Amino acid sequence: MRRLRKNQLIRDLAAETNLSVNDLILPYFVVEGKGKREEIKSMPDVYHFSIDNLLKDLSEAVGIKSILLFGITKVKDAIGSQAYNKNG
């Protein structure tokens, strides 16, 4: 028997990967304000959205079942103290 077929774990590791739209997660970067849709320079075709424009864009994300929201704050520091802000 070939080395890559000896046990199920090795066969699983060497198996082909099949991806479908069900496996995808669409990231969104949300900023404060209204009417904002600004491209992130370091990531072409990825944008910062305000909530109103985020909802418009979500309605066009046909077939994507999962999203991941990243809240972008204006106030940052080296220790991430805004994560503990009582007012959100």
C-alpha atoms as a PDB file:
ATOM      1  CA  MET A   1       0.000   0.000   0.000  1.00  0.00           C
ATOM      2  CA  ARG A   2       1.275   3.475  -0.822  1.00  0.00           C
ATOM      3  CA  ARG A   3       2.561   5.618   2.020  1.00  0.00           C
ATOM      4  CA  LEU A   4      -0.210   8.251   1.648  1.00  0.00           C
ATOM      5  CA  ARG A   5      -2.935   5.622   1.856  1.00  0.00           C
ATOM      6  CA  LYS A   6      -1.911   3.725   4.992  1.00  0.00           C
ATOM      7  CA  ASN A   7      -4.467   5.182   7.383  1.00  0.00           C
ATOM      8  CA  GLN A   8      -7.592   7.352   7.280  1.00  0.00           C
ATOM      9  CA  LEU A   9      -5.915  10.397   8.862  1.00  0.00           C
ATOM     10  CA  ILE A  10      -3.220  10.519   6.177  1.00  0.00           C
ATOM     11  CA  ARG A  11      -5.812   9.941   3.442  1.00  0.00           C
ATOM     12  CA  ASP A  12      -7.901  12.832   4.834  1.00  0.00           C
ATOM     13  CA  LEU A  13      -4.867  15.143   4.933  1.00  0.00           C
ATOM     14  CA  ALA A  14      -3.948  14.343   1.325  1.00  0.00           C
ATOM     15  CA  ALA A  15      -7.518  14.474  -0.014  1.00  0.00           C
ATOM     16  CA  GLU A  16      -8.668  17.164  -2.400  1.00  0.00           C
ATOM     17  CA  THR A  17     -10.473  20.126  -0.914  1.00  0.00           C
ATOM     18  CA  ASN A  18     -13.917  20.969  -2.208  1.00  0.00           C
ATOM     19  CA  LEU A  19     -15.210  24.441  -1.397  1.00  0.00           C
ATOM     20  CA  SER A  20     -18.692  25.752  -1.959  1.00  0.00           C
ATOM     21  CA  VAL A  21     -20.469  29.013  -1.216  1.00  0.00           C
ATOM     22  CA  ASN A  22     -21.625  27.387   2.047  1.00  0.00           C
ATOM     23  CA  ASP A  23     -18.008  27.353   3.276  1.00  0.00           C
ATOM     24  CA  LEU A  24     -17.393  31.065   2.733  1.00  0.00           C
ATOM     25  CA  ILE A  25     -17.487  33.816   5.356  1.00  0.00           C
ATOM     26  CA  LEU A  26     -17.701  37.396   4.126  1.00  0.00           C
ATOM     27  CA  PRO A  27     -15.781  39.893   6.289  1.00  0.00           C
ATOM     28  CA  TYR A  28     -17.170  43.401   6.811  1.00  0.00           C
ATOM     29  CA  PHE A  29     -15.323  46.315   8.398  1.00  0.00           C
ATOM     30  CA  VAL A  30     -17.816  48.661  10.058  1.00  0.00           C
ATOM     31  CA  VAL A  31     -17.073  52.312  10.873  1.00  0.00           C
ATOM     32  CA  GLU A  32     -19.049  55.071  12.569  1.00  0.00           C
ATOM     33  CA  GLY A  33     -21.090  57.546  10.546  1.00  0.00           C
ATOM     34  CA  LYS A  34     -23.443  57.462   7.582  1.00  0.00           C
ATOM     35  CA  GLY A  35     -22.970  57.146   3.855  1.00  0.00           C
ATOM     36  CA  LYS A  36     -19.478  55.649   4.110  1.00  0.00           C
ATOM     37  CA  ARG A  37     -18.033  53.092   1.723  1.00  0.00           C
ATOM     38  CA  GLU A  38     -14.274  53.574   1.546  1.00  0.00           C
ATOM     39  CA  GLU A  39     -11.862  51.097  -0.001  1.00  0.00           C
ATOM     40  CA  ILE A  40      -9.160  49.739   2.289  1.00  0.00           C
ATOM     41  CA  LYS A  41      -5.935  50.529   0.412  1.00  0.00           C
ATOM     42  CA  SER A  42      -4.069  47.438   1.583  1.00  0.00           C
ATOM     43  CA  MET A  43      -6.956  45.127   0.581  1.00  0.00           C
ATOM     44  CA  PRO A  44      -8.321  45.793  -2.921  1.00  0.00           C
ATOM     45  CA  ASP A  45     -12.110  45.380  -3.268  1.00  0.00           C
ATOM     46  CA  VAL A  46     -12.563  45.380   0.535  1.00  0.00           C
ATOM     47  CA  TYR A  47     -14.268  48.376   2.126  1.00  0.00           C
ATOM     48  CA  HIS A  48     -15.019  50.181   5.360  1.00  0.00           C
ATOM     49  CA  PHE A  49     -18.824  50.508   5.591  1.00  0.00           C
ATOM     50  CA  SER A  50     -21.104  52.614   7.727  1.00  0.00           C
ATOM     51  CA  ILE A  51     -24.179  50.691   8.934  1.00  0.00           C
ATOM     52  CA  ASP A  52     -26.515  52.140   6.286  1.00  0.00           C
ATOM     53  CA  ASN A  53     -24.242  51.133   3.412  1.00  0.00           C
ATOM     54  CA  LEU A  54     -23.458  47.801   5.040  1.00  0.00           C
ATOM     55  CA  LEU A  55     -27.130  46.841   4.885  1.00  0.00           C
ATOM     56  CA  LYS A  56     -27.264  47.739   1.181  1.00  0.00           C
ATOM     57  CA  ASP A  57     -24.172  45.660   0.446  1.00  0.00           C
ATOM     58  CA  LEU A  58     -25.461  42.691   2.450  1.00  0.00           C
ATOM     59  CA  SER A  59     -28.564  42.545   0.278  1.00  0.00           C
ATOM     60  CA  GLU A  60     -26.260  41.976  -2.715  1.00  0.00           C
ATOM     61  CA  ALA A  61     -24.230  39.158  -1.102  1.00  0.00           C
ATOM     62  CA  VAL A  62     -26.157  36.426  -2.899  1.00  0.00           C
ATOM     63  CA  GLY A  63     -25.575  32.927  -1.577  1.00  0.00           C
ATOM     64  CA  ILE A  64     -23.250  33.917   1.279  1.00  0.00           C
ATOM     65  CA  LYS A  65     -24.718  32.570   4.515  1.00  0.00           C
ATOM     66  CA  SER A  66     -22.094  33.777   6.993  1.00  0.00           C
ATOM     67  CA  ILE A  67     -20.556  37.165   7.693  1.00  0.00           C
ATOM     68  CA  LEU A  68     -17.943  38.341  10.168  1.00  0.00           C
ATOM     69  CA  LEU A  69     -18.150  41.913  11.442  1.00  0.00           C
ATOM     70  CA  PHE A  70     -15.074  43.895  12.457  1.00  0.00           C
ATOM     71  CA  GLY A  71     -15.849  47.109  14.305  1.00  0.00           C
ATOM     72  CA  ILE A  72     -13.296  49.805  13.515  1.00  0.00           C
ATOM     73  CA  THR A  73     -12.917  52.411  16.248  1.00  0.00           C
ATOM     74  CA  LYS A  74     -11.422  55.869  15.894  1.00  0.00           C
ATOM     75  CA  VAL A  75      -9.836  55.588  19.340  1.00  0.00           C
ATOM     76  CA  LYS A  76      -6.965  53.080  19.507  1.00  0.00           C
ATOM     77  CA  ASP A  77      -4.110  52.425  21.883  1.00  0.00           C
ATOM     78  CA  ALA A  78      -1.417  49.796  22.353  1.00  0.00           C
ATOM     79  CA  ILE A  79      -3.426  47.732  24.858  1.00  0.00           C
ATOM     80  CA  GLY A  80      -6.895  47.805  23.249  1.00  0.00           C
ATOM     81  CA  SER A  81      -8.532  49.620  26.152  1.00  0.00           C
ATOM     82  CA  GLN A  82     -11.654  50.426  24.083  1.00  0.00           C
ATOM     83  CA  ALA A  83     -12.643  46.760  24.397  1.00  0.00           C
ATOM     84  CA  TYR A  84     -13.471  47.532  28.037  1.00  0.00           C
ATOM     85  CA  ASN A  85     -15.321  50.800  27.400  1.00  0.00           C
ATOM     86  CA  LYS A  86     -18.591  50.787  29.405  1.00  0.00           C
ATOM     87  CA  ASN A  87     -20.323  52.828  26.693  1.00  0.00           C
ATOM     88  CA  GLY A  88     -19.448  50.424  23.917  1.00  0.00           C
END
